Amino acid sequence: MILAGAEISNIPTSSITGDIGLSPAAGSMITGFSMVYTTGDQHATSSQVTGKLYVSDYGDPTPSNLTTAVENMITAYNDAAGRSNPDFVELHTGDIGGKTLSPGLYKWTNTVTAPTNVVLSGDENNVWIFQIAGYLTVSSDVNVTLSGGAQAKNIFW
């Protein structure tokens, strides 16, 4: 899942597996997905997303569900930000394209780019935390592949 508070921008075409959530910003702050939404619906769809798009100004119970999700995101963020001993600092000066990343805490003081595919390799219990002070920019047609049993629920950007 992608969850953000202010904006989600896409330069078509992406292929995202999972849901997208945005709160407290309005649906107009998700751009580049050619979303299909009918007023009052709980979610929107997009041909670029295998999943659903949820925004705080959509139908009930979406607003309250997103409030809870954002509160949990803030708790996770504060936990990650409070970790003071990163395993990797300024790795590859922020260019992670073509790399296989092992579990751990990663920290960058600037923008991180993925111009080519990235692999996260570890088992089902491993955790990846990416502390990025700038933007995360993923190029078109780039895949983030999980290997060795790695699970998306254990990855925090």
N, C-alpha and C. Protein backbone atom coordinates (compact mmCIF):
# COMPACT_ATOMS: atom_id res chain seq x y z
N MET A 1 0.84 -1.19 0.00
CA MET A 1 0.00 0.00 0.00
C MET A 1 0.87 1.23 0.00
N ILE A 2 0.43 2.23 -0.72
CA ILE A 2 1.04 3.55 -0.68
C ILE A 2 0.09 4.43 0.13
N LEU A 3 0.61 5.08 1.16
CA LEU A 3 -0.19 5.96 1.99
C LEU A 3 0.56 7.26 2.16
N ALA A 4 -0.09 8.36 1.85
CA ALA A 4 0.54 9.68 1.97
C ALA A 4 -0.45 10.66 2.58
N GLY A 5 0.07 11.80 3.02
CA GLY A 5 -0.77 12.79 3.66
C GLY A 5 -1.09 13.99 2.79
N ALA A 6 -0.23 14.34 1.83
CA ALA A 6 -0.42 15.58 1.10
C ALA A 6 -0.62 15.41 -0.40
N GLU A 7 0.11 14.49 -1.03
CA GLU A 7 0.04 14.41 -2.49
C GLU A 7 0.65 13.10 -2.96
N ILE A 8 0.07 12.56 -4.02
CA ILE A 8 0.65 11.42 -4.73
C ILE A 8 0.62 11.78 -6.20
N SER A 9 1.79 11.79 -6.82
CA SER A 9 1.89 12.19 -8.21
C SER A 9 2.53 11.07 -9.02
N ASN A 10 1.99 10.83 -10.20
CA ASN A 10 2.47 9.78 -11.08
C ASN A 10 2.66 10.37 -12.47
N ILE A 11 3.76 10.00 -13.09
CA ILE A 11 3.96 10.33 -14.50
C ILE A 11 3.67 9.06 -15.25
N PRO A 12 2.50 8.99 -15.91
CA PRO A 12 2.04 7.72 -16.51
C PRO A 12 3.10 7.13 -17.44
N THR A 13 3.20 5.86 -17.55
CA THR A 13 2.28 4.93 -16.91
C THR A 13 3.00 4.07 -15.89
N SER A 14 2.39 3.91 -14.76
CA SER A 14 2.90 3.04 -13.71
C SER A 14 2.04 1.80 -13.63
N SER A 15 2.56 0.81 -12.95
CA SER A 15 1.79 -0.38 -12.65
C SER A 15 2.01 -0.67 -11.18
N ILE A 16 1.03 -0.36 -10.37
CA ILE A 16 1.15 -0.48 -8.91
C ILE A 16 0.25 -1.60 -8.44
N THR A 17 0.83 -2.52 -7.70
CA THR A 17 0.06 -3.61 -7.11
C THR A 17 -0.19 -3.26 -5.65
N GLY A 18 -1.46 -3.15 -5.28
CA GLY A 18 -1.83 -2.78 -3.92
C GLY A 18 -2.69 -1.54 -3.95
N ASP A 19 -3.11 -1.13 -2.78
CA ASP A 19 -3.99 0.02 -2.65
C ASP A 19 -3.18 1.30 -2.48
N ILE A 20 -3.85 2.43 -2.74
CA ILE A 20 -3.28 3.76 -2.53
C ILE A 20 -4.23 4.53 -1.63
N GLY A 21 -3.68 5.22 -0.64
CA GLY A 21 -4.49 6.02 0.27
C GLY A 21 -3.91 7.41 0.42
N LEU A 22 -4.77 8.42 0.52
CA LEU A 22 -4.34 9.79 0.71
C LEU A 22 -5.26 10.47 1.72
N SER A 23 -4.66 11.04 2.78
CA SER A 23 -5.43 11.74 3.80
C SER A 23 -4.48 12.61 4.61
N PRO A 24 -4.81 13.82 4.95
CA PRO A 24 -6.12 14.45 4.87
C PRO A 24 -6.37 15.18 3.55
N ALA A 25 -5.46 15.16 2.61
CA ALA A 25 -5.65 15.87 1.33
C ALA A 25 -6.81 15.27 0.54
N ALA A 26 -7.35 16.07 -0.36
CA ALA A 26 -8.50 15.67 -1.18
C ALA A 26 -8.05 14.86 -2.39
N GLY A 27 -9.01 14.21 -3.02
CA GLY A 27 -8.74 13.37 -4.19
C GLY A 27 -8.07 14.11 -5.33
N SER A 28 -8.26 15.41 -5.41
CA SER A 28 -7.61 16.20 -6.47
C SER A 28 -6.09 16.22 -6.33
N MET A 29 -5.57 15.78 -5.19
CA MET A 29 -4.13 15.77 -4.95
C MET A 29 -3.48 14.45 -5.37
N ILE A 30 -4.25 13.55 -5.96
CA ILE A 30 -3.68 12.36 -6.61
C ILE A 30 -3.73 12.64 -8.09
N THR A 31 -2.57 12.71 -8.73
CA THR A 31 -2.52 13.05 -10.14
C THR A 31 -1.78 11.99 -10.95
N GLY A 32 -2.16 11.88 -12.22
CA GLY A 32 -1.46 11.01 -13.16
C GLY A 32 -1.95 9.59 -13.20
N PHE A 33 -3.08 9.29 -12.59
CA PHE A 33 -3.57 7.91 -12.55
C PHE A 33 -4.84 7.67 -13.37
N SER A 34 -5.42 8.70 -13.98
CA SER A 34 -6.68 8.56 -14.72
C SER A 34 -7.70 7.79 -13.88
N MET A 35 -7.95 8.31 -12.70
CA MET A 35 -8.84 7.65 -11.74
C MET A 35 -10.29 7.69 -12.19
N VAL A 36 -11.02 6.63 -11.86
CA VAL A 36 -12.45 6.55 -12.11
C VAL A 36 -13.13 6.56 -10.75
N TYR A 37 -13.92 7.60 -10.50
CA TYR A 37 -14.57 7.76 -9.20
C TYR A 37 -15.98 8.31 -9.42
N THR A 38 -16.91 7.77 -8.68
CA THR A 38 -18.28 8.28 -8.68
C THR A 38 -18.57 8.85 -7.30
N THR A 39 -19.08 10.07 -7.24
CA THR A 39 -19.35 10.74 -5.97
C THR A 39 -20.12 9.81 -5.03
N GLY A 40 -19.63 9.73 -3.81
CA GLY A 40 -20.25 8.89 -2.79
C GLY A 40 -19.62 7.52 -2.66
N ASP A 41 -18.87 7.09 -3.68
CA ASP A 41 -18.19 5.79 -3.59
C ASP A 41 -17.12 5.83 -2.51
N GLN A 42 -16.76 4.66 -2.00
CA GLN A 42 -15.74 4.55 -0.97
C GLN A 42 -14.33 4.57 -1.55
N HIS A 43 -14.21 4.30 -2.85
CA HIS A 43 -12.89 4.26 -3.46
C HIS A 43 -12.99 4.57 -4.96
N ALA A 44 -11.83 4.80 -5.57
CA ALA A 44 -11.73 4.98 -7.01
C ALA A 44 -10.92 3.81 -7.56
N THR A 45 -10.88 3.70 -8.87
CA THR A 45 -10.06 2.69 -9.54
C THR A 45 -9.20 3.38 -10.59
N SER A 46 -8.20 2.66 -11.06
CA SER A 46 -7.33 3.15 -12.12
C SER A 46 -6.77 1.94 -12.85
N SER A 47 -6.62 2.05 -14.14
CA SER A 47 -6.05 0.95 -14.92
C SER A 47 -4.58 0.73 -14.56
N GLN A 48 -3.96 1.69 -13.89
CA GLN A 48 -2.56 1.58 -13.50
C GLN A 48 -2.36 0.99 -12.10
N VAL A 49 -3.47 0.71 -11.42
CA VAL A 49 -3.39 0.22 -10.04
C VAL A 49 -4.18 -1.07 -9.90
N THR A 50 -3.50 -2.13 -9.48
CA THR A 50 -4.19 -3.37 -9.12
C THR A 50 -4.50 -3.23 -7.65
N GLY A 51 -5.65 -2.72 -7.37
CA GLY A 51 -6.07 -2.36 -6.02
C GLY A 51 -7.01 -1.19 -6.13
N LYS A 52 -7.23 -0.52 -5.04
CA LYS A 52 -8.17 0.60 -5.00
C LYS A 52 -7.47 1.86 -4.52
N LEU A 53 -8.05 2.99 -4.84
CA LEU A 53 -7.54 4.28 -4.40
C LEU A 53 -8.53 4.89 -3.42
N TYR A 54 -8.05 5.19 -2.21
CA TYR A 54 -8.89 5.73 -1.14
C TYR A 54 -8.42 7.14 -0.80
N VAL A 55 -9.36 8.06 -0.65
CA VAL A 55 -9.03 9.44 -0.32
C VAL A 55 -10.01 9.94 0.73
N SER A 56 -9.54 10.86 1.58
CA SER A 56 -10.32 11.30 2.73
C SER A 56 -11.64 11.97 2.38
N ASP A 57 -11.82 12.44 1.15
CA ASP A 57 -13.10 13.07 0.81
C ASP A 57 -14.02 12.12 0.03
N TYR A 58 -13.75 10.82 0.10
CA TYR A 58 -14.62 9.82 -0.52
C TYR A 58 -15.69 9.38 0.49
N GLY A 59 -16.59 8.47 0.06
CA GLY A 59 -17.71 8.05 0.88
C GLY A 59 -17.32 7.27 2.13
N ASP A 60 -18.22 7.27 3.10
CA ASP A 60 -18.02 6.54 4.37
C ASP A 60 -17.92 5.04 4.10
N PRO A 61 -17.08 4.34 4.84
CA PRO A 61 -16.30 4.72 6.02
C PRO A 61 -14.87 5.14 5.69
N THR A 62 -14.60 5.47 4.43
CA THR A 62 -13.23 5.78 4.00
C THR A 62 -12.57 6.88 4.83
N PRO A 63 -13.21 8.02 5.11
CA PRO A 63 -12.52 9.06 5.88
C PRO A 63 -12.03 8.57 7.25
N SER A 64 -12.87 7.87 8.00
CA SER A 64 -12.43 7.42 9.34
C SER A 64 -11.38 6.32 9.23
N ASN A 65 -11.50 5.45 8.23
CA ASN A 65 -10.47 4.41 8.03
C ASN A 65 -9.12 5.04 7.71
N LEU A 66 -9.13 6.07 6.88
CA LEU A 66 -7.88 6.75 6.53
C LEU A 66 -7.31 7.51 7.71
N THR A 67 -8.16 8.09 8.55
CA THR A 67 -7.66 8.77 9.75
C THR A 67 -6.88 7.79 10.61
N THR A 68 -7.43 6.60 10.80
CA THR A 68 -6.74 5.57 11.58
C THR A 68 -5.44 5.16 10.90
N ALA A 69 -5.48 4.97 9.58
CA ALA A 69 -4.28 4.57 8.85
C ALA A 69 -3.18 5.63 8.95
N VAL A 70 -3.55 6.90 8.84
CA VAL A 70 -2.57 7.98 8.94
C VAL A 70 -2.00 8.06 10.36
N GLU A 71 -2.83 7.88 11.37
CA GLU A 71 -2.32 7.86 12.75
C GLU A 71 -1.31 6.73 12.93
N ASN A 72 -1.60 5.56 12.36
CA ASN A 72 -0.66 4.44 12.43
C ASN A 72 0.62 4.75 11.65
N MET A 73 0.46 5.44 10.49
CA MET A 73 1.62 5.83 9.69
C MET A 73 2.51 6.78 10.49
N ILE A 74 1.91 7.72 11.19
CA ILE A 74 2.69 8.67 11.99
C ILE A 74 3.43 7.95 13.11
N THR A 75 2.77 7.00 13.75
CA THR A 75 3.44 6.20 14.80
C THR A 75 4.63 5.46 14.22
N ALA A 76 4.44 4.82 13.06
CA ALA A 76 5.53 4.09 12.40
C ALA A 76 6.64 5.06 11.98
N TYR A 77 6.26 6.21 11.45
CA TYR A 77 7.25 7.20 11.04
C TYR A 77 8.08 7.67 12.24
N ASN A 78 7.42 8.01 13.34
CA ASN A 78 8.13 8.47 14.53
C ASN A 78 9.06 7.40 15.07
N ASP A 79 8.62 6.13 15.02
CA ASP A 79 9.48 5.04 15.44
C ASP A 79 10.71 4.97 14.54
N ALA A 80 10.50 5.03 13.23
CA ALA A 80 11.62 4.94 12.28
C ALA A 80 12.55 6.15 12.42
N ALA A 81 11.97 7.34 12.54
CA ALA A 81 12.78 8.56 12.65
C ALA A 81 13.59 8.58 13.93
N GLY A 82 13.09 7.93 14.96
CA GLY A 82 13.78 7.90 16.24
C GLY A 82 14.93 6.90 16.30
N ARG A 83 15.06 6.10 15.28
CA ARG A 83 16.17 5.13 15.25
C ARG A 83 17.44 5.86 14.85
N SER A 84 18.43 5.82 15.71
CA SER A 84 19.62 6.65 15.52
C SER A 84 20.83 5.91 14.97
N ASN A 85 20.74 4.63 14.75
CA ASN A 85 21.89 3.88 14.27
C ASN A 85 21.59 3.19 12.94
N PRO A 86 21.57 3.96 11.84
CA PRO A 86 21.27 3.33 10.55
C PRO A 86 22.32 2.31 10.15
N ASP A 87 21.87 1.28 9.46
CA ASP A 87 22.79 0.27 8.93
C ASP A 87 23.49 0.78 7.67
N PHE A 88 22.81 1.68 6.94
CA PHE A 88 23.33 2.20 5.68
C PHE A 88 23.06 3.70 5.63
N VAL A 89 24.11 4.49 5.38
CA VAL A 89 23.98 5.94 5.31
C VAL A 89 24.43 6.41 3.93
N GLU A 90 23.55 7.16 3.25
CA GLU A 90 23.84 7.72 1.93
C GLU A 90 24.27 6.64 0.93
N LEU A 91 23.69 5.45 1.05
CA LEU A 91 24.05 4.33 0.19
C LEU A 91 23.93 4.71 -1.28
N HIS A 92 25.00 4.48 -2.02
CA HIS A 92 25.05 4.75 -3.47
C HIS A 92 24.62 6.18 -3.79
N THR A 93 24.88 7.09 -2.86
CA THR A 93 24.49 8.51 -2.96
C THR A 93 23.05 8.69 -3.42
N GLY A 94 22.20 7.74 -3.02
CA GLY A 94 20.78 7.85 -3.29
C GLY A 94 20.30 7.17 -4.56
N ASP A 95 21.18 6.63 -5.38
CA ASP A 95 20.77 5.92 -6.59
C ASP A 95 20.72 4.43 -6.28
N ILE A 96 19.52 3.91 -6.03
CA ILE A 96 19.39 2.51 -5.65
C ILE A 96 19.00 1.62 -6.84
N GLY A 97 18.94 2.19 -8.03
CA GLY A 97 18.61 1.42 -9.22
C GLY A 97 19.60 0.30 -9.46
N GLY A 98 19.08 -0.88 -9.81
CA GLY A 98 19.93 -2.02 -10.11
C GLY A 98 20.54 -2.69 -8.90
N LYS A 99 20.15 -2.27 -7.72
CA LYS A 99 20.75 -2.80 -6.49
C LYS A 99 19.84 -3.83 -5.82
N THR A 100 20.47 -4.74 -5.08
CA THR A 100 19.76 -5.66 -4.19
C THR A 100 20.02 -5.17 -2.78
N LEU A 101 18.95 -4.83 -2.07
CA LEU A 101 19.08 -4.26 -0.73
C LEU A 101 18.68 -5.28 0.33
N SER A 102 19.56 -5.46 1.28
CA SER A 102 19.31 -6.37 2.39
C SER A 102 18.48 -5.64 3.45
N PRO A 103 17.90 -6.37 4.41
CA PRO A 103 17.11 -5.74 5.46
C PRO A 103 17.95 -4.75 6.27
N GLY A 104 17.30 -3.74 6.80
CA GLY A 104 18.00 -2.80 7.65
C GLY A 104 17.40 -1.42 7.60
N LEU A 105 18.07 -0.51 8.28
CA LEU A 105 17.68 0.89 8.34
C LEU A 105 18.59 1.68 7.40
N TYR A 106 17.98 2.34 6.42
CA TYR A 106 18.69 3.13 5.43
C TYR A 106 18.38 4.60 5.66
N LYS A 107 19.40 5.47 5.52
CA LYS A 107 19.17 6.91 5.74
C LYS A 107 19.87 7.72 4.66
N TRP A 108 19.10 8.66 4.07
CA TRP A 108 19.63 9.61 3.10
C TRP A 108 19.22 11.01 3.50
N THR A 109 20.10 11.98 3.30
CA THR A 109 19.80 13.38 3.61
C THR A 109 19.31 14.15 2.40
N ASN A 110 19.10 13.44 1.28
CA ASN A 110 18.64 14.08 0.07
C ASN A 110 17.67 13.16 -0.66
N THR A 111 17.52 13.35 -1.95
CA THR A 111 16.60 12.58 -2.78
C THR A 111 17.15 11.19 -3.09
N VAL A 112 16.25 10.22 -3.20
CA VAL A 112 16.60 8.86 -3.59
C VAL A 112 15.91 8.57 -4.92
N THR A 113 16.67 7.97 -5.84
CA THR A 113 16.12 7.63 -7.15
C THR A 113 16.25 6.14 -7.41
N ALA A 114 15.30 5.64 -8.18
CA ALA A 114 15.35 4.25 -8.65
C ALA A 114 15.10 4.29 -10.16
N PRO A 115 16.16 4.54 -10.96
CA PRO A 115 16.00 4.60 -12.41
C PRO A 115 15.85 3.23 -13.06
N THR A 116 16.24 2.18 -12.32
CA THR A 116 16.10 0.80 -12.79
C THR A 116 15.60 -0.05 -11.64
N ASN A 117 15.30 -1.30 -11.93
CA ASN A 117 14.70 -2.20 -10.94
C ASN A 117 15.52 -2.32 -9.67
N VAL A 118 14.81 -2.56 -8.57
CA VAL A 118 15.41 -2.72 -7.24
C VAL A 118 14.89 -4.03 -6.66
N VAL A 119 15.77 -4.76 -5.95
CA VAL A 119 15.37 -6.00 -5.29
C VAL A 119 15.57 -5.82 -3.79
N LEU A 120 14.55 -6.19 -3.01
CA LEU A 120 14.67 -6.25 -1.56
C LEU A 120 14.70 -7.73 -1.20
N SER A 121 15.83 -8.17 -0.67
CA SER A 121 16.04 -9.60 -0.43
C SER A 121 16.17 -9.90 1.06
N GLY A 122 15.28 -10.75 1.54
CA GLY A 122 15.30 -11.16 2.95
C GLY A 122 14.15 -12.11 3.21
N ASP A 123 14.00 -12.53 4.44
CA ASP A 123 12.92 -13.48 4.74
C ASP A 123 11.67 -12.76 5.21
N GLU A 124 10.65 -13.54 5.55
CA GLU A 124 9.33 -12.98 5.88
C GLU A 124 9.32 -12.16 7.16
N ASN A 125 10.36 -12.26 7.98
CA ASN A 125 10.42 -11.50 9.23
C ASN A 125 11.32 -10.27 9.15
N ASN A 126 12.04 -10.11 8.06
CA ASN A 126 12.96 -8.98 7.92
C ASN A 126 12.21 -7.68 7.68
N VAL A 127 12.84 -6.55 8.08
CA VAL A 127 12.25 -5.23 7.95
C VAL A 127 13.22 -4.30 7.22
N TRP A 128 12.65 -3.48 6.33
CA TRP A 128 13.40 -2.43 5.64
C TRP A 128 12.77 -1.11 6.03
N ILE A 129 13.59 -0.16 6.49
CA ILE A 129 13.13 1.19 6.80
C ILE A 129 14.00 2.14 5.99
N PHE A 130 13.35 2.97 5.17
CA PHE A 130 14.05 3.93 4.34
C PHE A 130 13.72 5.33 4.83
N GLN A 131 14.69 6.00 5.46
CA GLN A 131 14.53 7.38 5.91
C GLN A 131 15.11 8.28 4.82
N ILE A 132 14.23 9.00 4.14
CA ILE A 132 14.63 9.82 2.99
C ILE A 132 14.21 11.26 3.27
N ALA A 133 15.19 12.17 3.37
CA ALA A 133 14.88 13.57 3.68
C ALA A 133 14.25 14.29 2.48
N GLY A 134 14.57 13.87 1.27
CA GLY A 134 14.04 14.50 0.07
C GLY A 134 12.94 13.65 -0.54
N TYR A 135 12.89 13.66 -1.86
CA TYR A 135 11.88 12.90 -2.60
C TYR A 135 12.36 11.49 -2.90
N LEU A 136 11.41 10.59 -3.09
CA LEU A 136 11.68 9.26 -3.65
C LEU A 136 11.13 9.30 -5.07
N THR A 137 12.01 9.15 -6.06
CA THR A 137 11.61 9.19 -7.46
C THR A 137 11.88 7.83 -8.09
N VAL A 138 10.83 7.19 -8.55
CA VAL A 138 10.93 5.88 -9.19
C VAL A 138 10.57 6.07 -10.66
N SER A 139 11.48 5.70 -11.55
CA SER A 139 11.26 5.88 -12.98
C SER A 139 10.17 4.95 -13.51
N SER A 140 9.67 5.30 -14.67
CA SER A 140 8.66 4.51 -15.34
C SER A 140 9.17 3.09 -15.61
N ASP A 141 8.28 2.12 -15.48
CA ASP A 141 8.57 0.71 -15.75
C ASP A 141 9.58 0.08 -14.78
N VAL A 142 9.84 0.72 -13.65
CA VAL A 142 10.75 0.14 -12.65
C VAL A 142 9.94 -0.75 -11.70
N ASN A 143 10.52 -1.90 -11.40
CA ASN A 143 9.91 -2.84 -10.46
C ASN A 143 10.71 -2.87 -9.17
N VAL A 144 10.02 -2.92 -8.04
CA VAL A 144 10.65 -3.22 -6.76
C VAL A 144 10.21 -4.64 -6.46
N THR A 145 11.16 -5.56 -6.53
CA THR A 145 10.88 -6.98 -6.39
C THR A 145 11.27 -7.46 -5.00
N LEU A 146 10.40 -8.26 -4.39
CA LEU A 146 10.69 -8.84 -3.08
C LEU A 146 11.14 -10.28 -3.31
N SER A 147 12.26 -10.65 -2.70
CA SER A 147 12.76 -12.02 -2.86
C SER A 147 13.07 -12.65 -1.51
N GLY A 148 13.15 -13.98 -1.51
CA GLY A 148 13.51 -14.72 -0.30
C GLY A 148 12.41 -14.76 0.74
N GLY A 149 11.20 -14.39 0.37
CA GLY A 149 10.10 -14.38 1.33
C GLY A 149 9.80 -13.00 1.90
N ALA A 150 10.54 -11.97 1.47
CA ALA A 150 10.30 -10.61 1.94
C ALA A 150 8.83 -10.24 1.74
N GLN A 151 8.29 -9.48 2.71
CA GLN A 151 6.87 -9.11 2.65
C GLN A 151 6.71 -7.58 2.61
N ALA A 152 5.81 -7.13 1.76
CA ALA A 152 5.55 -5.69 1.61
C ALA A 152 5.17 -5.02 2.92
N LYS A 153 4.51 -5.74 3.81
CA LYS A 153 4.07 -5.14 5.08
C LYS A 153 5.24 -4.79 6.00
N ASN A 154 6.44 -5.26 5.66
CA ASN A 154 7.63 -4.99 6.47
C ASN A 154 8.56 -3.96 5.84
N ILE A 155 8.02 -3.18 4.89
CA ILE A 155 8.82 -2.18 4.17
C ILE A 155 8.21 -0.81 4.43
N PHE A 156 9.05 0.11 4.90
CA PHE A 156 8.59 1.45 5.26
C PHE A 156 9.46 2.47 4.54
N TRP A 157 8.83 3.29 3.68
CA TRP A 157 9.54 4.31 2.92
C TRP A 157 9.33 5.65 3.59
